[in-house]
Amino acid sequence: MSFPQEAGYQEASQSTTILVLGILGLLCCGPLGIVAWVMGNNEIQAIDAGRRDPANRGTANAGRIVGIVATVFLAISVVWAILFFSGAITIPDFDNFDFNQ
């Protein structure tokens, strides 16, 4: 099944897909943010090379930025999890804490 391409451009735009992946990466599945970031960079390079419609540059850039934010949140979460499970970050046990000291 093939989809009609816009006149004058060699490739169809993936900017909407990039934005959706970035949002999904931000909301529920962090690794999709990395995919959106990489695809966004590729889309912008293709727009600059004239292979894709420049009208979709804003959507591609927005998806790329959301992908970057999702990737940063993923990295912070991974660092926090490593520190938490290694014992560097502890949550005090208030059931056994003596407040009279």
PDB file of N, CA and C in Angstrom:
ATOM      1  N   MET A   1       0.850  -1.166   0.000  1.00  0.00           N
ATOM      2  CA  MET A   1       0.000   0.000   0.000  1.00  0.00           C
ATOM      3  C   MET A   1       0.893   1.226   0.000  1.00  0.00           C
ATOM      4  N   SER A   2       0.661   2.098  -0.928  1.00  0.00           N
ATOM      5  CA  SER A   2       1.470   3.308  -0.988  1.00  0.00           C
ATOM      6  C   SER A   2       0.564   4.522  -0.798  1.00  0.00           C
ATOM      7  N   PHE A   3       1.156   5.525  -0.200  1.00  0.00           N
ATOM      8  CA  PHE A   3       0.433   6.756   0.051  1.00  0.00           C
ATOM      9  C   PHE A   3       0.912   7.812  -0.933  1.00  0.00           C
ATOM     10  N   PRO A   4       0.033   8.692  -1.331  1.00  0.00           N
ATOM     11  CA  PRO A   4       0.461   9.735  -2.268  1.00  0.00           C
ATOM     12  C   PRO A   4       1.429  10.700  -1.586  1.00  0.00           C
ATOM     13  N   GLN A   5       2.468  11.056  -2.294  1.00  0.00           N
ATOM     14  CA  GLN A   5       3.441  12.003  -1.760  1.00  0.00           C
ATOM     15  C   GLN A   5       3.085  13.401  -2.234  1.00  0.00           C
ATOM     16  N   GLU A   6       3.576  14.389  -1.465  1.00  0.00           N
ATOM     17  CA  GLU A   6       3.349  15.754  -1.869  1.00  0.00           C
ATOM     18  C   GLU A   6       4.138  16.033  -3.145  1.00  0.00           C
ATOM     19  N   ALA A   7       3.617  16.870  -3.966  1.00  0.00           N
ATOM     20  CA  ALA A   7       4.280  17.183  -5.234  1.00  0.00           C
ATOM     21  C   ALA A   7       5.594  17.911  -4.979  1.00  0.00           C
ATOM     22  N   GLY A   8       6.635  17.471  -5.665  1.00  0.00           N
ATOM     23  CA  GLY A   8       7.906  18.160  -5.596  1.00  0.00           C
ATOM     24  C   GLY A   8       8.865  17.666  -4.534  1.00  0.00           C
ATOM     25  N   TYR A   9       8.466  16.744  -3.682  1.00  0.00           N
ATOM     26  CA  TYR A   9       9.347  16.246  -2.627  1.00  0.00           C
ATOM     27  C   TYR A   9       9.520  14.746  -2.769  1.00  0.00           C
ATOM     28  N   GLN A  10      10.749  14.292  -2.583  1.00  0.00           N
ATOM     29  CA  GLN A  10      11.091  12.889  -2.815  1.00  0.00           C
ATOM     30  C   GLN A  10      10.514  11.964  -1.756  1.00  0.00           C
ATOM     31  N   GLU A  11      10.391  12.438  -0.524  1.00  0.00           N
ATOM     32  CA  GLU A  11       9.980  11.579   0.588  1.00  0.00           C
ATOM     33  C   GLU A  11       8.813  12.212   1.330  1.00  0.00           C
ATOM     34  N   ALA A  12       7.968  11.355   1.910  1.00  0.00           N
ATOM     35  CA  ALA A  12       6.864  11.831   2.734  1.00  0.00           C
ATOM     36  C   ALA A  12       7.380  12.213   4.114  1.00  0.00           C
ATOM     37  N   SER A  13       6.756  13.203   4.707  1.00  0.00           N
ATOM     38  CA  SER A  13       7.191  13.697   6.012  1.00  0.00           C
ATOM     39  C   SER A  13       6.816  12.719   7.124  1.00  0.00           C
ATOM     40  N   GLN A  14       7.670  12.649   8.136  1.00  0.00           N
ATOM     41  CA  GLN A  14       7.406  11.825   9.318  1.00  0.00           C
ATOM     42  C   GLN A  14       7.224  12.687  10.556  1.00  0.00           C
ATOM     43  N   SER A  15       6.944  13.964  10.368  1.00  0.00           N
ATOM     44  CA  SER A  15       6.917  14.886  11.499  1.00  0.00           C
ATOM     45  C   SER A  15       5.814  14.571  12.502  1.00  0.00           C
ATOM     46  N   THR A  16       4.648  14.141  12.049  1.00  0.00           N
ATOM     47  CA  THR A  16       3.571  13.799  12.977  1.00  0.00           C
ATOM     48  C   THR A  16       3.939  12.571  13.792  1.00  0.00           C
ATOM     49  N   THR A  17       4.561  11.594  13.154  1.00  0.00           N
ATOM     50  CA  THR A  17       5.023  10.403  13.867  1.00  0.00           C
ATOM     51  C   THR A  17       6.041  10.778  14.936  1.00  0.00           C
ATOM     52  N   ILE A  18       6.930  11.689  14.608  1.00  0.00           N
ATOM     53  CA  ILE A  18       7.956  12.131  15.555  1.00  0.00           C
ATOM     54  C   ILE A  18       7.317  12.802  16.760  1.00  0.00           C
ATOM     55  N   LEU A  19       6.329  13.649  16.518  1.00  0.00           N
ATOM     56  CA  LEU A  19       5.658  14.324  17.621  1.00  0.00           C
ATOM     57  C   LEU A  19       4.916  13.331  18.509  1.00  0.00           C
ATOM     58  N   VAL A  20       4.232  12.375  17.897  1.00  0.00           N
ATOM     59  CA  VAL A  20       3.512  11.358  18.680  1.00  0.00           C
ATOM     60  C   VAL A  20       4.487  10.523  19.508  1.00  0.00           C
ATOM     61  N   LEU A  21       5.609  10.118  18.920  1.00  0.00           N
ATOM     62  CA  LEU A  21       6.602   9.347  19.668  1.00  0.00           C
ATOM     63  C   LEU A  21       7.187  10.166  20.818  1.00  0.00           C
ATOM     64  N   GLY A  22       7.420  11.438  20.596  1.00  0.00           N
ATOM     65  CA  GLY A  22       7.936  12.297  21.662  1.00  0.00           C
ATOM     66  C   GLY A  22       6.959  12.413  22.820  1.00  0.00           C
ATOM     67  N   ILE A  23       5.685  12.581  22.506  1.00  0.00           N
ATOM     68  CA  ILE A  23       4.671  12.685  23.554  1.00  0.00           C
ATOM     69  C   ILE A  23       4.543  11.369  24.306  1.00  0.00           C
ATOM     70  N   LEU A  24       4.532  10.256  23.585  1.00  0.00           N
ATOM     71  CA  LEU A  24       4.469   8.954  24.254  1.00  0.00           C
ATOM     72  C   LEU A  24       5.702   8.713  25.119  1.00  0.00           C
ATOM     73  N   GLY A  25       6.860   9.154  24.644  1.00  0.00           N
ATOM     74  CA  GLY A  25       8.078   9.031  25.436  1.00  0.00           C
ATOM     75  C   GLY A  25       8.008   9.847  26.707  1.00  0.00           C
ATOM     76  N   LEU A  26       7.372  10.989  26.637  1.00  0.00           N
ATOM     77  CA  LEU A  26       7.240  11.857  27.806  1.00  0.00           C
ATOM     78  C   LEU A  26       6.221  11.310  28.792  1.00  0.00           C
ATOM     79  N   LEU A  27       5.145  10.737  28.295  1.00  0.00           N
ATOM     80  CA  LEU A  27       4.057  10.321  29.174  1.00  0.00           C
ATOM     81  C   LEU A  27       4.184   8.907  29.726  1.00  0.00           C
ATOM     82  N   CYS A  28       4.617   7.962  28.895  1.00  0.00           N
ATOM     83  CA  CYS A  28       4.521   6.581  29.378  1.00  0.00           C
ATOM     84  C   CYS A  28       5.707   5.683  29.047  1.00  0.00           C
ATOM     85  N   CYS A  29       6.437   5.954  28.011  1.00  0.00           N
ATOM     86  CA  CYS A  29       7.496   5.030  27.603  1.00  0.00           C
ATOM     87  C   CYS A  29       8.740   5.823  27.218  1.00  0.00           C
ATOM     88  N   GLY A  30       9.606   6.066  28.194  1.00  0.00           N
ATOM     89  CA  GLY A  30      10.771   6.906  28.033  1.00  0.00           C
ATOM     90  C   GLY A  30      11.657   6.627  26.836  1.00  0.00           C
ATOM     91  N   PRO A  31      11.955   5.361  26.519  1.00  0.00           N
ATOM     92  CA  PRO A  31      12.835   5.108  25.367  1.00  0.00           C
ATOM     93  C   PRO A  31      12.290   5.620  24.034  1.00  0.00           C
ATOM     94  N   LEU A  32      10.996   5.836  23.930  1.00  0.00           N
ATOM     95  CA  LEU A  32      10.456   6.408  22.692  1.00  0.00           C
ATOM     96  C   LEU A  32      10.919   7.844  22.507  1.00  0.00           C
ATOM     97  N   GLY A  33      11.295   8.502  23.598  1.00  0.00           N
ATOM     98  CA  GLY A  33      11.849   9.851  23.494  1.00  0.00           C
ATOM     99  C   GLY A  33      13.152   9.864  22.718  1.00  0.00           C
ATOM    100  N   ILE A  34      13.974   8.843  22.929  1.00  0.00           N
ATOM    101  CA  ILE A  34      15.236   8.725  22.194  1.00  0.00           C
ATOM    102  C   ILE A  34      14.953   8.544  20.707  1.00  0.00           C
ATOM    103  N   VAL A  35      13.969   7.711  20.400  1.00  0.00           N
ATOM    104  CA  VAL A  35      13.589   7.472  19.004  1.00  0.00           C
ATOM    105  C   VAL A  35      13.096   8.771  18.365  1.00  0.00           C
ATOM    106  N   ALA A  36      12.270   9.526  19.094  1.00  0.00           N
ATOM    107  CA  ALA A  36      11.759  10.794  18.561  1.00  0.00           C
ATOM    108  C   ALA A  36      12.893  11.783  18.332  1.00  0.00           C
ATOM    109  N   TRP A  37      13.859  11.820  19.228  1.00  0.00           N
ATOM    110  CA  TRP A  37      14.992  12.736  19.103  1.00  0.00           C
ATOM    111  C   TRP A  37      15.800  12.420  17.838  1.00  0.00           C
ATOM    112  N   VAL A  38      16.111  11.138  17.642  1.00  0.00           N
ATOM    113  CA  VAL A  38      16.899  10.725  16.477  1.00  0.00           C
ATOM    114  C   VAL A  38      16.110  10.955  15.187  1.00  0.00           C
ATOM    115  N   MET A  39      14.847  10.539  15.177  1.00  0.00           N
ATOM    116  CA  MET A  39      14.030  10.735  13.976  1.00  0.00           C
ATOM    117  C   MET A  39      13.835  12.217  13.678  1.00  0.00           C
ATOM    118  N   GLY A  40      13.708  13.047  14.719  1.00  0.00           N
ATOM    119  CA  GLY A  40      13.563  14.481  14.525  1.00  0.00           C
ATOM    120  C   GLY A  40      14.795  15.092  13.877  1.00  0.00           C
ATOM    121  N   ASN A  41      15.963  14.668  14.334  1.00  0.00           N
ATOM    122  CA  ASN A  41      17.204  15.146  13.709  1.00  0.00           C
ATOM    123  C   ASN A  41      17.271  14.743  12.240  1.00  0.00           C
ATOM    124  N   ASN A  42      16.912  13.500  11.953  1.00  0.00           N
ATOM    125  CA  ASN A  42      16.926  13.022  10.561  1.00  0.00           C
ATOM    126  C   ASN A  42      15.911  13.773   9.701  1.00  0.00           C
ATOM    127  N   GLU A  43      14.743  14.054  10.265  1.00  0.00           N
ATOM    128  CA  GLU A  43      13.706  14.775   9.522  1.00  0.00           C
ATOM    129  C   GLU A  43      14.169  16.196   9.187  1.00  0.00           C
ATOM    130  N   ILE A  44      14.774  16.868  10.147  1.00  0.00           N
ATOM    131  CA  ILE A  44      15.242  18.232   9.910  1.00  0.00           C
ATOM    132  C   ILE A  44      16.373  18.241   8.875  1.00  0.00           C
ATOM    133  N   GLN A  45      17.248  17.241   8.921  1.00  0.00           N
ATOM    134  CA  GLN A  45      18.298  17.140   7.898  1.00  0.00           C
ATOM    135  C   GLN A  45      17.695  16.910   6.521  1.00  0.00           C
ATOM    136  N   ALA A  46      16.642  16.082   6.450  1.00  0.00           N
ATOM    137  CA  ALA A  46      15.988  15.831   5.164  1.00  0.00           C
ATOM    138  C   ALA A  46      15.285  17.083   4.656  1.00  0.00           C
ATOM    139  N   ILE A  47      14.708  17.865   5.554  1.00  0.00           N
ATOM    140  CA  ILE A  47      14.070  19.127   5.148  1.00  0.00           C
ATOM    141  C   ILE A  47      15.123  20.092   4.622  1.00  0.00           C
ATOM    142  N   ASP A  48      16.249  20.178   5.331  1.00  0.00           N
ATOM    143  CA  ASP A  48      17.323  21.073   4.888  1.00  0.00           C
ATOM    144  C   ASP A  48      17.909  20.642   3.546  1.00  0.00           C
ATOM    145  N   ALA A  49      17.904  19.323   3.291  1.00  0.00           N
ATOM    146  CA  ALA A  49      18.430  18.814   2.023  1.00  0.00           C
ATOM    147  C   ALA A  49      17.416  18.946   0.881  1.00  0.00           C
ATOM    148  N   GLY A  50      16.180  19.324   1.199  1.00  0.00           N
ATOM    149  CA  GLY A  50      15.164  19.512   0.168  1.00  0.00           C
ATOM    150  C   GLY A  50      14.406  18.252  -0.204  1.00  0.00           C
ATOM    151  N   ARG A  51      14.571  17.187   0.569  1.00  0.00           N
ATOM    152  CA  ARG A  51      13.866  15.935   0.259  1.00  0.00           C
ATOM    153  C   ARG A  51      12.462  15.885   0.851  1.00  0.00           C
ATOM    154  N   ARG A  52      12.195  16.728   1.844  1.00  0.00           N
ATOM    155  CA  ARG A  52      10.879  16.737   2.491  1.00  0.00           C
ATOM    156  C   ARG A  52      10.344  18.156   2.589  1.00  0.00           C
ATOM    157  N   ASP A  53       9.038  18.258   2.774  1.00  0.00           N
ATOM    158  CA  ASP A  53       8.344  19.542   2.785  1.00  0.00           C
ATOM    159  C   ASP A  53       8.757  20.398   3.988  1.00  0.00           C
ATOM    160  N   PRO A  54       9.241  21.616   3.759  1.00  0.00           N
ATOM    161  CA  PRO A  54       9.643  22.477   4.867  1.00  0.00           C
ATOM    162  C   PRO A  54       8.476  22.975   5.720  1.00  0.00           C
ATOM    163  N   ALA A  55       7.243  22.804   5.257  1.00  0.00           N
ATOM    164  CA  ALA A  55       6.086  23.221   6.051  1.00  0.00           C
ATOM    165  C   ALA A  55       5.954  22.393   7.326  1.00  0.00           C
ATOM    166  N   ASN A  56       6.559  21.213   7.350  1.00  0.00           N
ATOM    167  CA  ASN A  56       6.469  20.334   8.516  1.00  0.00           C
ATOM    168  C   ASN A  56       7.640  20.499   9.478  1.00  0.00           C
ATOM    169  N   ARG A  57       8.481  21.487   9.250  1.00  0.00           N
ATOM    170  CA  ARG A  57       9.663  21.688  10.090  1.00  0.00           C
ATOM    171  C   ARG A  57       9.283  21.983  11.544  1.00  0.00           C
ATOM    172  N   GLY A  58       8.257  22.787  11.778  1.00  0.00           N
ATOM    173  CA  GLY A  58       7.838  23.133  13.136  1.00  0.00           C
ATOM    174  C   GLY A  58       7.373  21.920  13.918  1.00  0.00           C
ATOM    175  N   THR A  59       6.594  21.063  13.278  1.00  0.00           N
ATOM    176  CA  THR A  59       6.118  19.848  13.941  1.00  0.00           C
ATOM    177  C   THR A  59       7.273  18.906  14.232  1.00  0.00           C
ATOM    178  N   ALA A  60       8.193  18.778  13.281  1.00  0.00           N
ATOM    179  CA  ALA A  60       9.356  17.913  13.495  1.00  0.00           C
ATOM    180  C   ALA A  60      10.237  18.448  14.621  1.00  0.00           C
ATOM    181  N   ASN A  61      10.427  19.757  14.660  1.00  0.00           N
ATOM    182  CA  ASN A  61      11.241  20.360  15.703  1.00  0.00           C
ATOM    183  C   ASN A  61      10.572  20.216  17.072  1.00  0.00           C
ATOM    184  N   ALA A  62       9.251  20.383  17.123  1.00  0.00           N
ATOM    185  CA  ALA A  62       8.526  20.207  18.382  1.00  0.00           C
ATOM    186  C   ALA A  62       8.655  18.765  18.880  1.00  0.00           C
ATOM    187  N   GLY A  63       8.504  17.804  17.985  1.00  0.00           N
ATOM    188  CA  GLY A  63       8.658  16.401  18.365  1.00  0.00           C
ATOM    189  C   GLY A  63      10.060  16.088  18.831  1.00  0.00           C
ATOM    190  N   ARG A  64      11.044  16.689  18.179  1.00  0.00           N
ATOM    191  CA  ARG A  64      12.449  16.496  18.577  1.00  0.00           C
ATOM    192  C   ARG A  64      12.693  17.060  19.970  1.00  0.00           C
ATOM    193  N   ILE A  65      12.162  18.246  20.249  1.00  0.00           N
ATOM    194  CA  ILE A  65      12.348  18.866  21.562  1.00  0.00           C
ATOM    195  C   ILE A  65      11.648  18.063  22.654  1.00  0.00           C
ATOM    196  N   VAL A  66      10.437  17.597  22.389  1.00  0.00           N
ATOM    197  CA  VAL A  66       9.733  16.761  23.366  1.00  0.00           C
ATOM    198  C   VAL A  66      10.513  15.466  23.584  1.00  0.00           C
ATOM    199  N   GLY A  67      11.110  14.918  22.524  1.00  0.00           N
ATOM    200  CA  GLY A  67      11.949  13.726  22.658  1.00  0.00           C
ATOM    201  C   GLY A  67      13.174  13.982  23.515  1.00  0.00           C
ATOM    202  N   ILE A  68      13.778  15.164  23.379  1.00  0.00           N
ATOM    203  CA  ILE A  68      14.932  15.513  24.208  1.00  0.00           C
ATOM    204  C   ILE A  68      14.517  15.598  25.676  1.00  0.00           C
ATOM    205  N   VAL A  69      13.387  16.248  25.944  1.00  0.00           N
ATOM    206  CA  VAL A  69      12.899  16.364  27.323  1.00  0.00           C
ATOM    207  C   VAL A  69      12.599  14.986  27.902  1.00  0.00           C
ATOM    208  N   ALA A  70      11.956  14.122  27.118  1.00  0.00           N
ATOM    209  CA  ALA A  70      11.658  12.759  27.586  1.00  0.00           C
ATOM    210  C   ALA A  70      12.938  11.988  27.861  1.00  0.00           C
ATOM    211  N   THR A  71      13.957  12.175  27.039  1.00  0.00           N
ATOM    212  CA  THR A  71      15.240  11.496  27.242  1.00  0.00           C
ATOM    213  C   THR A  71      15.921  11.985  28.514  1.00  0.00           C
ATOM    214  N   VAL A  72      15.859  13.283  28.777  1.00  0.00           N
ATOM    215  CA  VAL A  72      16.440  13.828  30.011  1.00  0.00           C
ATOM    216  C   VAL A  72      15.712  13.259  31.231  1.00  0.00           C
ATOM    217  N   PHE A  73      14.377  13.213  31.181  1.00  0.00           N
ATOM    218  CA  PHE A  73      13.625  12.619  32.291  1.00  0.00           C
ATOM    219  C   PHE A  73      13.973  11.146  32.469  1.00  0.00           C
ATOM    220  N   LEU A  74      14.152  10.433  31.373  1.00  0.00           N
ATOM    221  CA  LEU A  74      14.536   9.027  31.454  1.00  0.00           C
ATOM    222  C   LEU A  74      15.904   8.882  32.109  1.00  0.00           C
ATOM    223  N   ALA A  75      16.850   9.728  31.725  1.00  0.00           N
ATOM    224  CA  ALA A  75      18.197   9.658  32.305  1.00  0.00           C
ATOM    225  C   ALA A  75      18.171   9.971  33.801  1.00  0.00           C
ATOM    226  N   ILE A  76      17.400  10.979  34.196  1.00  0.00           N
ATOM    227  CA  ILE A  76      17.282  11.303  35.618  1.00  0.00           C
ATOM    228  C   ILE A  76      16.659  10.138  36.379  1.00  0.00           C
ATOM    229  N   SER A  77      15.653   9.507  35.798  1.00  0.00           N
ATOM    230  CA  SER A  77      15.004   8.360  36.444  1.00  0.00           C
ATOM    231  C   SER A  77      15.965   7.191  36.607  1.00  0.00           C
ATOM    232  N   VAL A  78      16.767   6.934  35.588  1.00  0.00           N
ATOM    233  CA  VAL A  78      17.722   5.823  35.654  1.00  0.00           C
ATOM    234  C   VAL A  78      18.776   6.097  36.721  1.00  0.00           C
ATOM    235  N   VAL A  79      19.296   7.331  36.775  1.00  0.00           N
ATOM    236  CA  VAL A  79      20.288   7.672  37.804  1.00  0.00           C
ATOM    237  C   VAL A  79      19.681   7.550  39.190  1.00  0.00           C
ATOM    238  N   TRP A  80      18.459   8.046  39.359  1.00  0.00           N
ATOM    239  CA  TRP A  80      17.793   7.948  40.656  1.00  0.00           C
ATOM    240  C   TRP A  80      17.595   6.483  41.055  1.00  0.00           C
ATOM    241  N   ALA A  81      17.165   5.646  40.122  1.00  0.00           N
ATOM    242  CA  ALA A  81      16.946   4.227  40.426  1.00  0.00           C
ATOM    243  C   ALA A  81      18.248   3.539  40.815  1.00  0.00           C
ATOM    244  N   ILE A  82      19.325   3.862  40.106  1.00  0.00           N
ATOM    245  CA  ILE A  82      20.626   3.260  40.449  1.00  0.00           C
ATOM    246  C   ILE A  82      21.049   3.681  41.850  1.00  0.00           C
ATOM    247  N   LEU A  83      20.913   4.976  42.157  1.00  0.00           N
ATOM    248  CA  LEU A  83      21.288   5.449  43.489  1.00  0.00           C
ATOM    249  C   LEU A  83      20.389   4.870  44.577  1.00  0.00           C
ATOM    250  N   PHE A  84      19.104   4.755  44.287  1.00  0.00           N
ATOM    251  CA  PHE A  84      18.163   4.218  45.272  1.00  0.00           C
ATOM    252  C   PHE A  84      18.455   2.753  45.571  1.00  0.00           C
ATOM    253  N   PHE A  85      18.616   1.952  44.521  1.00  0.00           N
ATOM    254  CA  PHE A  85      18.818   0.517  44.729  1.00  0.00           C
ATOM    255  C   PHE A  85      20.218   0.177  45.207  1.00  0.00           C
ATOM    256  N   SER A  86      21.166   1.091  45.027  1.00  0.00           N
ATOM    257  CA  SER A  86      22.507   0.846  45.564  1.00  0.00           C
ATOM    258  C   SER A  86      22.600   1.272  47.020  1.00  0.00           C
ATOM    259  N   GLY A  87      21.599   1.956  47.522  1.00  0.00           N
ATOM    260  CA  GLY A  87      21.587   2.362  48.918  1.00  0.00           C
ATOM    261  C   GLY A  87      22.111   3.754  49.153  1.00  0.00           C
ATOM    262  N   ALA A  88      22.504   4.460  48.120  1.00  0.00           N
ATOM    263  CA  ALA A  88      23.013   5.812  48.283  1.00  0.00           C
ATOM    264  C   ALA A  88      21.892   6.778  48.671  1.00  0.00           C
ATOM    265  N   ILE A  89      20.677   6.478  48.253  1.00  0.00           N
ATOM    266  CA  ILE A  89      19.509   7.261  48.641  1.00  0.00           C
ATOM    267  C   ILE A  89      18.648   6.355  49.506  1.00  0.00           C
ATOM    268  N   THR A  90      18.324   6.804  50.693  1.00  0.00           N
ATOM    269  CA  THR A  90      17.496   5.981  51.575  1.00  0.00           C
ATOM    270  C   THR A  90      16.239   6.749  51.950  1.00  0.00           C
ATOM    271  N   ILE A  91      15.205   6.011  52.170  1.00  0.00           N
ATOM    272  CA  ILE A  91      13.961   6.577  52.673  1.00  0.00           C
ATOM    273  C   ILE A  91      13.883   6.177  54.139  1.00  0.00           C
ATOM    274  N   PRO A  92      13.789   7.150  55.042  1.00  0.00           N
ATOM    275  CA  PRO A  92      13.806   6.806  56.464  1.00  0.00           C
ATOM    276  C   PRO A  92      12.613   5.940  56.860  1.00  0.00           C
ATOM    277  N   ASP A  93      12.870   5.058  57.781  1.00  0.00           N
ATOM    278  CA  ASP A  93      11.836   4.171  58.301  1.00  0.00           C
ATOM    279  C   ASP A  93      11.224   4.850  59.519  1.00  0.00           C
ATOM    280  N   PHE A  94      10.095   5.491  59.340  1.00  0.00           N
ATOM    281  CA  PHE A  94       9.493   6.267  60.419  1.00  0.00           C
ATOM    282  C   PHE A  94       8.849   5.386  61.486  1.00  0.00           C
ATOM    283  N   ASP A  95       8.577   4.121  61.204  1.00  0.00           N
ATOM    284  CA  ASP A  95       7.996   3.233  62.204  1.00  0.00           C
ATOM    285  C   ASP A  95       8.985   2.941  63.326  1.00  0.00           C
ATOM    286  N   ASN A  96      10.258   2.865  63.024  1.00  0.00           N
ATOM    287  CA  ASN A  96      11.270   2.541  64.017  1.00  0.00           C
ATOM    288  C   ASN A  96      12.103   3.743  64.444  1.00  0.00           C
ATOM    289  N   PHE A  97      11.701   4.941  64.053  1.00  0.00           N
ATOM    290  CA  PHE A  97      12.489   6.133  64.361  1.00  0.00           C
ATOM    291  C   PHE A  97      12.121   6.644  65.755  1.00  0.00           C
ATOM    292  N   ASP A  98      13.129   6.964  66.557  1.00  0.00           N
ATOM    293  CA  ASP A  98      12.907   7.477  67.902  1.00  0.00           C
ATOM    294  C   ASP A  98      12.958   8.999  67.845  1.00  0.00           C
ATOM    295  N   PHE A  99      11.794   9.626  67.993  1.00  0.00           N
ATOM    296  CA  PHE A  99      11.707  11.079  67.902  1.00  0.00           C
ATOM    297  C   PHE A  99      12.153  11.772  69.184  1.00  0.00           C
ATOM    298  N   ASN A 100      12.377  11.044  70.273  1.00  0.00           N
ATOM    299  CA  ASN A 100      12.731  11.627  71.572  1.00  0.00           C
ATOM    300  C   ASN A 100      14.232  11.877  71.712  1.00  0.00           C
ATOM    301  N   GLN A 101      15.013  11.537  70.763  1.00  0.00           N
ATOM    302  CA  GLN A 101      16.460  11.728  70.900  1.00  0.00           C
ATOM    303  C   GLN A 101      16.870  13.135  70.604  1.00  0.00           C
TER     304      GLN A 101
END
